[in-house]
Amino acid sequence: MVHFVGAGSGAPDLITVRGARLLKEADVVIYAGSLVNPALLESCKSDCEMHNSAKMTLEQVIAVIREAEAAGKTTVRLHTGDSSIYGAVREQFDALEKLDIAYDVCPGVSAFCGAAAALKAEYTLPDVSQTVIITRAAGRTPVPQRESIRSLAAHQATMVLFLSTSLTERLQEELMAGGYPGETPVAVVYKATWPEEKIFRCTVDTLHRTVRDNGLTKTALIVVGNCLGEDYQRSLLYHPGFTTEFREATR
């Protein structure tokens, strides 16, 4: 059996209870070494076989899993954050299905959730933004034209950008060309929930300078939107004048 486990956003105690149990029970662990906190591996069995997938191809990962399956061992494929976001897991699923190898998925705390916690922010504020766009700037890995930053920026929704810290000069231009005013608040969160977490606040028109001046090149999320500002409407959910299924309005 193969378990795809989301390691969480960085802090070792942000892995789920299920994920932690699966990791402790695993005979083989294939972990995303460039991003997974190594402290998580300390909970593995002393005789657990470890593989750093940062140095492996897809074919090598599948070969390790096949060998483990043949020996009747349990494998944990440990991905950073939640594996459903930029985890390159679909190709692994398809390969395992072709080999008739059973697998399941244990979700994790994504870095975009970790960043919101670090910022003490709510991405969906009444009368500000009810939509969160999770995306990335086009770099070595292309992005479909219909999902360009410029086209997505036209919504002026809350935008969370992965894998884009080294591309901020062009990113800033595209955000503004798409419709975000230059004064729109931005936060760059470096290693959200890790001990070395840092937060850099700026605006769209100062994004590139902020990233450049602080030497940020990777392992950071960029949050764009007025959800980071001061103005919003109170939610009706807890408003005394709003009737819900559970209580009547009092005024």
C-alpha atoms as a PDB file:
ATOM      1  CA  MET A   1       0.000   0.000   0.000  1.00  0.00           C
ATOM      2  CA  VAL A   2       1.165   3.503  -0.818  1.00  0.00           C
ATOM      3  CA  HIS A   3       0.026   6.515   1.190  1.00  0.00           C
ATOM      4  CA  PHE A   4       0.419   9.997  -0.287  1.00  0.00           C
ATOM      5  CA  VAL A   5       0.731  12.241   2.752  1.00  0.00           C
ATOM      6  CA  GLY A   6       0.671  16.034   2.917  1.00  0.00           C
ATOM      7  CA  ALA A   7       3.453  17.056   5.294  1.00  0.00           C
ATOM      8  CA  GLY A   8       1.887  20.419   6.076  1.00  0.00           C
ATOM      9  CA  SER A   9       3.199  23.927   5.547  1.00  0.00           C
ATOM     10  CA  GLY A  10       6.434  23.575   7.513  1.00  0.00           C
ATOM     11  CA  ALA A  11       6.038  23.279  11.270  1.00  0.00           C
ATOM     12  CA  PRO A  12       6.349  19.554  12.088  1.00  0.00           C
ATOM     13  CA  ASP A  13       3.303  19.610  14.358  1.00  0.00           C
ATOM     14  CA  LEU A  14       1.098  20.824  11.499  1.00  0.00           C
ATOM     15  CA  ILE A  15       1.020  17.414   9.861  1.00  0.00           C
ATOM     16  CA  THR A  16      -2.371  15.792  10.419  1.00  0.00           C
ATOM     17  CA  VAL A  17      -2.869  13.127  13.083  1.00  0.00           C
ATOM     18  CA  ARG A  18      -3.480  10.575  10.327  1.00  0.00           C
ATOM     19  CA  GLY A  19      -0.405  11.678   8.413  1.00  0.00           C
ATOM     20  CA  ALA A  20       1.780  11.408  11.500  1.00  0.00           C
ATOM     21  CA  ARG A  21       0.503   7.890  12.172  1.00  0.00           C
ATOM     22  CA  LEU A  22       1.137   6.761   8.610  1.00  0.00           C
ATOM     23  CA  LEU A  23       4.642   8.209   8.727  1.00  0.00           C
ATOM     24  CA  LYS A  24       5.453   6.345  11.956  1.00  0.00           C
ATOM     25  CA  GLU A  25       4.196   3.062  10.505  1.00  0.00           C
ATOM     26  CA  ALA A  26       5.927   3.330   7.116  1.00  0.00           C
ATOM     27  CA  ASP A  27       8.600   0.881   5.986  1.00  0.00           C
ATOM     28  CA  VAL A  28       9.657   3.153   3.114  1.00  0.00           C
ATOM     29  CA  VAL A  29       9.414   6.947   2.927  1.00  0.00           C
ATOM     30  CA  ILE A  30       9.938   8.940  -0.255  1.00  0.00           C
ATOM     31  CA  TYR A  31       9.986  12.594   0.775  1.00  0.00           C
ATOM     32  CA  ALA A  32      10.222  15.898  -1.080  1.00  0.00           C
ATOM     33  CA  GLY A  33      13.605  16.789   0.340  1.00  0.00           C
ATOM     34  CA  SER A  34      13.766  20.320  -1.024  1.00  0.00           C
ATOM     35  CA  LEU A  35      10.685  21.430   0.922  1.00  0.00           C
ATOM     36  CA  VAL A  36       9.650  18.961   3.640  1.00  0.00           C
ATOM     37  CA  ASN A  37      10.843  19.843   7.134  1.00  0.00           C
ATOM     38  CA  PRO A  38      13.427  17.143   8.024  1.00  0.00           C
ATOM     39  CA  ALA A  39      12.183  17.170  11.620  1.00  0.00           C
ATOM     40  CA  LEU A  40       9.198  15.153  10.408  1.00  0.00           C
ATOM     41  CA  LEU A  41      11.451  12.241   9.522  1.00  0.00           C
ATOM     42  CA  GLU A  42      12.577  11.892  13.133  1.00  0.00           C
ATOM     43  CA  SER A  43       9.310  10.088  13.893  1.00  0.00           C
ATOM     44  CA  CYS A  44      10.004   7.300  11.400  1.00  0.00           C
ATOM     45  CA  LYS A  45      11.023   3.794  12.446  1.00  0.00           C
ATOM     46  CA  SER A  46      14.730   3.254  12.953  1.00  0.00           C
ATOM     47  CA  ASP A  47      14.827   0.761  10.092  1.00  0.00           C
ATOM     48  CA  CYS A  48      12.699   2.859   7.735  1.00  0.00           C
ATOM     49  CA  GLU A  49      14.148   3.151   4.249  1.00  0.00           C
ATOM     50  CA  MET A  50      14.447   6.817   3.214  1.00  0.00           C
ATOM     51  CA  HIS A  51      14.562   8.321  -0.270  1.00  0.00           C
ATOM     52  CA  ASN A  52      14.880  12.018  -1.139  1.00  0.00           C
ATOM     53  CA  SER A  53      12.740  12.590  -4.232  1.00  0.00           C
ATOM     54  CA  ALA A  54      14.446  15.918  -4.958  1.00  0.00           C
ATOM     55  CA  LYS A  55      17.245  13.817  -6.468  1.00  0.00           C
ATOM     56  CA  MET A  56      14.960  11.351  -8.263  1.00  0.00           C
ATOM     57  CA  THR A  57      12.948  11.133 -11.458  1.00  0.00           C
ATOM     58  CA  LEU A  58       9.370   9.909 -11.619  1.00  0.00           C
ATOM     59  CA  GLU A  59      10.620   6.603 -12.978  1.00  0.00           C
ATOM     60  CA  GLN A  60      12.989   6.168 -10.038  1.00  0.00           C
ATOM     61  CA  VAL A  61      10.226   6.965  -7.548  1.00  0.00           C
ATOM     62  CA  ILE A  62       7.952   4.357  -9.106  1.00  0.00           C
ATOM     63  CA  ALA A  63      10.781   1.818  -9.145  1.00  0.00           C
ATOM     64  CA  VAL A  64      11.295   2.238  -5.390  1.00  0.00           C
ATOM     65  CA  ILE A  65       7.556   1.807  -4.795  1.00  0.00           C
ATOM     66  CA  ARG A  66       7.430  -1.324  -6.965  1.00  0.00           C
ATOM     67  CA  GLU A  67      10.296  -2.857  -5.023  1.00  0.00           C
ATOM     68  CA  ALA A  68       8.611  -2.043  -1.720  1.00  0.00           C
ATOM     69  CA  GLU A  69       5.336  -3.545  -2.912  1.00  0.00           C
ATOM     70  CA  ALA A  70       7.074  -6.722  -4.024  1.00  0.00           C
ATOM     71  CA  ALA A  71       8.560  -7.052  -0.530  1.00  0.00           C
ATOM     72  CA  GLY A  72       5.181  -6.457   1.151  1.00  0.00           C
ATOM     73  CA  LYS A  73       6.215  -3.120   2.590  1.00  0.00           C
ATOM     74  CA  THR A  74       4.181   0.034   3.219  1.00  0.00           C
ATOM     75  CA  THR A  75       5.309   3.225   1.496  1.00  0.00           C
ATOM     76  CA  VAL A  76       4.631   6.850   2.409  1.00  0.00           C
ATOM     77  CA  ARG A  77       5.099   9.380  -0.358  1.00  0.00           C
ATOM     78  CA  LEU A  78       5.591  12.546   1.692  1.00  0.00           C
ATOM     79  CA  HIS A  79       4.761  15.761  -0.132  1.00  0.00           C
ATOM     80  CA  THR A  80       5.052  19.321   1.116  1.00  0.00           C
ATOM     81  CA  GLY A  81       1.872  21.183   2.133  1.00  0.00           C
ATOM     82  CA  ASP A  82      -1.076  19.450   0.519  1.00  0.00           C
ATOM     83  CA  SER A  83      -0.190  17.248  -2.415  1.00  0.00           C
ATOM     84  CA  SER A  84      -3.114  18.491  -4.525  1.00  0.00           C
ATOM     85  CA  ILE A  85      -1.425  21.878  -5.100  1.00  0.00           C
ATOM     86  CA  TYR A  86       1.682  21.779  -7.309  1.00  0.00           C
ATOM     87  CA  GLY A  87       2.450  18.301  -6.030  1.00  0.00           C
ATOM     88  CA  ALA A  88       2.958  16.538  -9.395  1.00  0.00           C
ATOM     89  CA  VAL A  89       0.932  13.631  -8.007  1.00  0.00           C
ATOM     90  CA  ARG A  90      -1.412  12.873 -10.901  1.00  0.00           C
ATOM     91  CA  GLU A  91       1.403  11.302 -12.914  1.00  0.00           C
ATOM     92  CA  GLN A  92       2.293   9.156  -9.909  1.00  0.00           C
ATOM     93  CA  PHE A  93      -1.322   8.052  -9.438  1.00  0.00           C
ATOM     94  CA  ASP A  94      -1.583   7.074 -13.097  1.00  0.00           C
ATOM     95  CA  ALA A  95       1.663   5.104 -12.976  1.00  0.00           C
ATOM     96  CA  LEU A  96       0.534   3.187  -9.884  1.00  0.00           C
ATOM     97  CA  GLU A  97      -2.857   2.408 -11.409  1.00  0.00           C
ATOM     98  CA  LYS A  98      -1.167   0.936 -14.471  1.00  0.00           C
ATOM     99  CA  LEU A  99       0.806  -1.315 -12.141  1.00  0.00           C
ATOM    100  CA  ASP A 100      -2.335  -2.173 -10.114  1.00  0.00           C
ATOM    101  CA  ILE A 101      -0.716  -0.800  -6.932  1.00  0.00           C
ATOM    102  CA  ALA A 102      -3.193   0.436  -4.336  1.00  0.00           C
ATOM    103  CA  TYR A 103      -2.769   3.937  -2.931  1.00  0.00           C
ATOM    104  CA  ASP A 104      -4.672   6.557  -0.951  1.00  0.00           C
ATOM    105  CA  VAL A 105      -4.233  10.231  -0.143  1.00  0.00           C
ATOM    106  CA  CYS A 106      -3.964  11.952   3.243  1.00  0.00           C
ATOM    107  CA  PRO A 107      -4.525  15.718   2.903  1.00  0.00           C
ATOM    108  CA  GLY A 108      -2.229  18.276   4.460  1.00  0.00           C
ATOM    109  CA  VAL A 109      -2.174  21.911   5.543  1.00  0.00           C
ATOM    110  CA  SER A 110      -1.227  23.901   2.455  1.00  0.00           C
ATOM    111  CA  ALA A 111       1.218  26.789   2.609  1.00  0.00           C
ATOM    112  CA  PHE A 112      -1.560  29.153   1.529  1.00  0.00           C
ATOM    113  CA  CYS A 113      -3.334  28.280   4.791  1.00  0.00           C
ATOM    114  CA  GLY A 114      -0.080  28.615   6.709  1.00  0.00           C
ATOM    115  CA  ALA A 115       0.483  32.046   5.168  1.00  0.00           C
ATOM    116  CA  ALA A 116      -3.002  33.217   6.167  1.00  0.00           C
ATOM    117  CA  ALA A 117      -2.311  32.086   9.718  1.00  0.00           C
ATOM    118  CA  ALA A 118       1.024  33.900   9.773  1.00  0.00           C
ATOM    119  CA  LEU A 119      -0.633  37.058   8.464  1.00  0.00           C
ATOM    120  CA  LYS A 120      -3.661  36.674  10.746  1.00  0.00           C
ATOM    121  CA  ALA A 121      -5.637  37.276   7.583  1.00  0.00           C
ATOM    122  CA  GLU A 122      -9.011  36.199   6.224  1.00  0.00           C
ATOM    123  CA  TYR A 123      -8.880  35.777   2.471  1.00  0.00           C
ATOM    124  CA  THR A 124     -12.653  36.078   2.003  1.00  0.00           C
ATOM    125  CA  LEU A 125     -13.983  39.327   3.465  1.00  0.00           C
ATOM    126  CA  PRO A 126     -17.531  40.605   2.868  1.00  0.00           C
ATOM    127  CA  ASP A 127     -17.670  43.369   0.249  1.00  0.00           C
ATOM    128  CA  VAL A 128     -13.935  42.917  -0.457  1.00  0.00           C
ATOM    129  CA  SER A 129     -13.294  39.469  -1.930  1.00  0.00           C
ATOM    130  CA  GLN A 130     -15.245  36.232  -1.927  1.00  0.00           C
ATOM    131  CA  THR A 131     -12.824  34.444  -4.223  1.00  0.00           C
ATOM    132  CA  VAL A 132      -9.290  33.122  -3.716  1.00  0.00           C
ATOM    133  CA  ILE A 133      -7.175  32.532  -6.812  1.00  0.00           C
ATOM    134  CA  ILE A 134      -4.289  30.112  -6.263  1.00  0.00           C
ATOM    135  CA  THR A 135      -1.866  30.340  -9.141  1.00  0.00           C
ATOM    136  CA  ARG A 136       1.732  30.860 -10.246  1.00  0.00           C
ATOM    137  CA  ALA A 137       3.601  33.128 -12.606  1.00  0.00           C
ATOM    138  CA  ALA A 138       4.817  31.635 -15.873  1.00  0.00           C
ATOM    139  CA  GLY A 139       8.483  30.694 -15.768  1.00  0.00           C
ATOM    140  CA  ARG A 140      10.313  27.551 -16.866  1.00  0.00           C
ATOM    141  CA  THR A 141       6.984  25.810 -16.400  1.00  0.00           C
ATOM    142  CA  PRO A 142       4.436  27.504 -18.685  1.00  0.00           C
ATOM    143  CA  VAL A 143       0.946  28.570 -17.676  1.00  0.00           C
ATOM    144  CA  PRO A 144      -2.074  28.313 -20.019  1.00  0.00           C
ATOM    145  CA  GLN A 145      -2.665  31.702 -21.695  1.00  0.00           C
ATOM    146  CA  ARG A 146      -6.232  31.777 -20.418  1.00  0.00           C
ATOM    147  CA  GLU A 147      -4.794  31.688 -16.875  1.00  0.00           C
ATOM    148  CA  SER A 148      -2.223  34.441 -17.329  1.00  0.00           C
ATOM    149  CA  ILE A 149      -1.623  36.715 -14.356  1.00  0.00           C
ATOM    150  CA  ARG A 150      -2.949  39.635 -16.374  1.00  0.00           C
ATOM    151  CA  SER A 151      -6.267  37.914 -17.089  1.00  0.00           C
ATOM    152  CA  LEU A 152      -6.710  36.678 -13.516  1.00  0.00           C
ATOM    153  CA  ALA A 153      -5.823  40.098 -12.092  1.00  0.00           C
ATOM    154  CA  ALA A 154      -8.877  41.563 -13.813  1.00  0.00           C
ATOM    155  CA  HIS A 155     -11.024  40.029 -11.054  1.00  0.00           C
ATOM    156  CA  GLN A 156      -9.110  41.875  -8.300  1.00  0.00           C
ATOM    157  CA  ALA A 157      -9.889  38.913  -6.054  1.00  0.00           C
ATOM    158  CA  THR A 158      -7.510  37.639  -3.384  1.00  0.00           C
ATOM    159  CA  MET A 159      -4.588  36.044  -5.212  1.00  0.00           C
ATOM    160  CA  VAL A 160      -2.069  33.639  -3.681  1.00  0.00           C
ATOM    161  CA  LEU A 161       0.989  32.988  -5.819  1.00  0.00           C
ATOM    162  CA  PHE A 162       3.188  29.940  -5.426  1.00  0.00           C
ATOM    163  CA  LEU A 163       6.572  29.474  -7.091  1.00  0.00           C
ATOM    164  CA  SER A 164       6.795  33.077  -8.244  1.00  0.00           C
ATOM    165  CA  THR A 165       9.295  34.825  -5.953  1.00  0.00           C
ATOM    166  CA  SER A 166      12.053  34.820  -8.567  1.00  0.00           C
ATOM    167  CA  LEU A 167       9.731  36.312 -11.195  1.00  0.00           C
ATOM    168  CA  THR A 168       8.458  39.431  -9.443  1.00  0.00           C
ATOM    169  CA  GLU A 169       9.612  42.061 -11.944  1.00  0.00           C
ATOM    170  CA  ARG A 170       7.353  40.683 -14.643  1.00  0.00           C
ATOM    171  CA  LEU A 171       4.734  39.636 -12.082  1.00  0.00           C
ATOM    172  CA  GLN A 172       4.385  43.193 -10.801  1.00  0.00           C
ATOM    173  CA  GLU A 173       3.886  44.491 -14.335  1.00  0.00           C
ATOM    174  CA  GLU A 174       1.231  41.882 -15.102  1.00  0.00           C
ATOM    175  CA  LEU A 175      -0.683  42.420 -11.854  1.00  0.00           C
ATOM    176  CA  MET A 176      -0.961  46.133 -12.573  1.00  0.00           C
ATOM    177  CA  ALA A 177      -1.701  45.693 -16.276  1.00  0.00           C
ATOM    178  CA  GLY A 178      -4.498  43.297 -15.352  1.00  0.00           C
ATOM    179  CA  GLY A 179      -6.245  45.696 -13.017  1.00  0.00           C
ATOM    180  CA  TYR A 180      -4.794  45.734  -9.498  1.00  0.00           C
ATOM    181  CA  PRO A 181      -4.134  49.358  -8.487  1.00  0.00           C
ATOM    182  CA  GLY A 182      -0.511  49.979  -7.512  1.00  0.00           C
ATOM    183  CA  GLU A 183      -1.500  50.645  -3.888  1.00  0.00           C
ATOM    184  CA  THR A 184      -3.144  47.215  -3.477  1.00  0.00           C
ATOM    185  CA  PRO A 185      -1.710  45.547  -0.351  1.00  0.00           C
ATOM    186  CA  VAL A 186       0.707  42.635  -0.779  1.00  0.00           C
ATOM    187  CA  ALA A 187       2.379  40.298   1.696  1.00  0.00           C
ATOM    188  CA  VAL A 188       5.331  38.066   0.922  1.00  0.00           C
ATOM    189  CA  VAL A 189       5.538  35.230   3.439  1.00  0.00           C
ATOM    190  CA  TYR A 190       8.856  33.422   3.558  1.00  0.00           C
ATOM    191  CA  LYS A 191       8.702  29.859   4.907  1.00  0.00           C
ATOM    192  CA  ALA A 192       5.246  30.165   6.462  1.00  0.00           C
ATOM    193  CA  THR A 193       5.017  28.308   9.820  1.00  0.00           C
ATOM    194  CA  TRP A 194       8.727  27.382   9.824  1.00  0.00           C
ATOM    195  CA  PRO A 195      10.907  28.680  12.699  1.00  0.00           C
ATOM    196  CA  GLU A 196      12.611  31.041  10.221  1.00  0.00           C
ATOM    197  CA  GLU A 197       9.308  32.487   8.945  1.00  0.00           C
ATOM    198  CA  LYS A 198       9.457  36.116   7.816  1.00  0.00           C
ATOM    199  CA  ILE A 199       6.748  38.475   6.578  1.00  0.00           C
ATOM    200  CA  PHE A 200       7.345  41.381   4.213  1.00  0.00           C
ATOM    201  CA  ARG A 201       4.436  43.752   3.589  1.00  0.00           C
ATOM    202  CA  CYS A 202       4.339  46.050   0.594  1.00  0.00           C
ATOM    203  CA  THR A 203       2.068  47.069  -2.274  1.00  0.00           C
ATOM    204  CA  VAL A 204       1.741  45.839  -5.836  1.00  0.00           C
ATOM    205  CA  ASP A 205       3.876  48.694  -7.153  1.00  0.00           C
ATOM    206  CA  THR A 206       6.668  47.962  -4.639  1.00  0.00           C
ATOM    207  CA  LEU A 207       6.543  44.165  -4.846  1.00  0.00           C
ATOM    208  CA  HIS A 208       9.631  43.599  -6.971  1.00  0.00           C
ATOM    209  CA  ARG A 209      11.761  46.028  -4.989  1.00  0.00           C
ATOM    210  CA  THR A 210      10.678  44.432  -1.694  1.00  0.00           C
ATOM    211  CA  VAL A 211      11.534  40.925  -2.870  1.00  0.00           C
ATOM    212  CA  ARG A 212      14.824  42.025  -4.433  1.00  0.00           C
ATOM    213  CA  ASP A 213      15.972  44.128  -1.467  1.00  0.00           C
ATOM    214  CA  ASN A 214      15.319  41.261   0.950  1.00  0.00           C
ATOM    215  CA  GLY A 215      17.065  38.641  -1.167  1.00  0.00           C
ATOM    216  CA  LEU A 216      14.027  36.406  -1.578  1.00  0.00           C
ATOM    217  CA  THR A 217      14.281  33.887  -4.394  1.00  0.00           C
ATOM    218  CA  LYS A 218      12.217  30.860  -3.332  1.00  0.00           C
ATOM    219  CA  THR A 219      10.194  29.204  -0.544  1.00  0.00           C
ATOM    220  CA  ALA A 220       7.873  32.186  -0.234  1.00  0.00           C
ATOM    221  CA  LEU A 221       4.231  32.861  -1.032  1.00  0.00           C
ATOM    222  CA  ILE A 222       2.936  36.145  -2.393  1.00  0.00           C
ATOM    223  CA  VAL A 223      -0.533  37.238  -1.257  1.00  0.00           C
ATOM    224  CA  VAL A 224      -2.193  40.055  -3.195  1.00  0.00           C
ATOM    225  CA  GLY A 225      -5.473  41.768  -2.434  1.00  0.00           C
ATOM    226  CA  ASN A 226      -7.515  44.149  -0.360  1.00  0.00           C
ATOM    227  CA  CYS A 227      -8.220  41.382   2.134  1.00  0.00           C
ATOM    228  CA  LEU A 228      -4.919  42.595   3.609  1.00  0.00           C
ATOM    229  CA  GLY A 229      -6.300  46.121   3.995  1.00  0.00           C
ATOM    230  CA  GLU A 230      -8.384  47.713   6.734  1.00  0.00           C
ATOM    231  CA  ASP A 231     -11.788  48.171   5.080  1.00  0.00           C
ATOM    232  CA  TYR A 232     -14.468  45.472   4.983  1.00  0.00           C
ATOM    233  CA  GLN A 233     -18.100  44.858   5.896  1.00  0.00           C
ATOM    234  CA  ARG A 234     -19.141  42.963   9.003  1.00  0.00           C
ATOM    235  CA  SER A 235     -20.293  39.421   8.242  1.00  0.00           C
ATOM    236  CA  LEU A 236     -24.031  38.802   8.430  1.00  0.00           C
ATOM    237  CA  LEU A 237     -23.410  35.381   9.943  1.00  0.00           C
ATOM    238  CA  TYR A 238     -23.124  36.747  13.490  1.00  0.00           C
ATOM    239  CA  HIS A 239     -25.047  39.985  12.995  1.00  0.00           C
ATOM    240  CA  PRO A 240     -27.929  40.417  15.472  1.00  0.00           C
ATOM    241  CA  GLY A 241     -30.184  41.628  12.674  1.00  0.00           C
ATOM    242  CA  PHE A 242     -29.730  38.534  10.526  1.00  0.00           C
ATOM    243  CA  THR A 243     -31.919  35.432  10.909  1.00  0.00           C
ATOM    244  CA  THR A 244     -30.271  32.030  10.390  1.00  0.00           C
ATOM    245  CA  GLU A 245     -31.358  28.413  10.649  1.00  0.00           C
ATOM    246  CA  PHE A 246     -30.208  28.421  14.289  1.00  0.00           C
ATOM    247  CA  ARG A 247     -31.364  31.780  15.654  1.00  0.00           C
ATOM    248  CA  GLU A 248     -33.834  34.612  15.017  1.00  0.00           C
ATOM    249  CA  ALA A 249     -32.810  38.193  14.423  1.00  0.00           C
ATOM    250  CA  THR A 250     -33.042  40.274  17.576  1.00  0.00           C
ATOM    251  CA  ARG A 251     -33.482  43.652  15.926  1.00  0.00           C
END
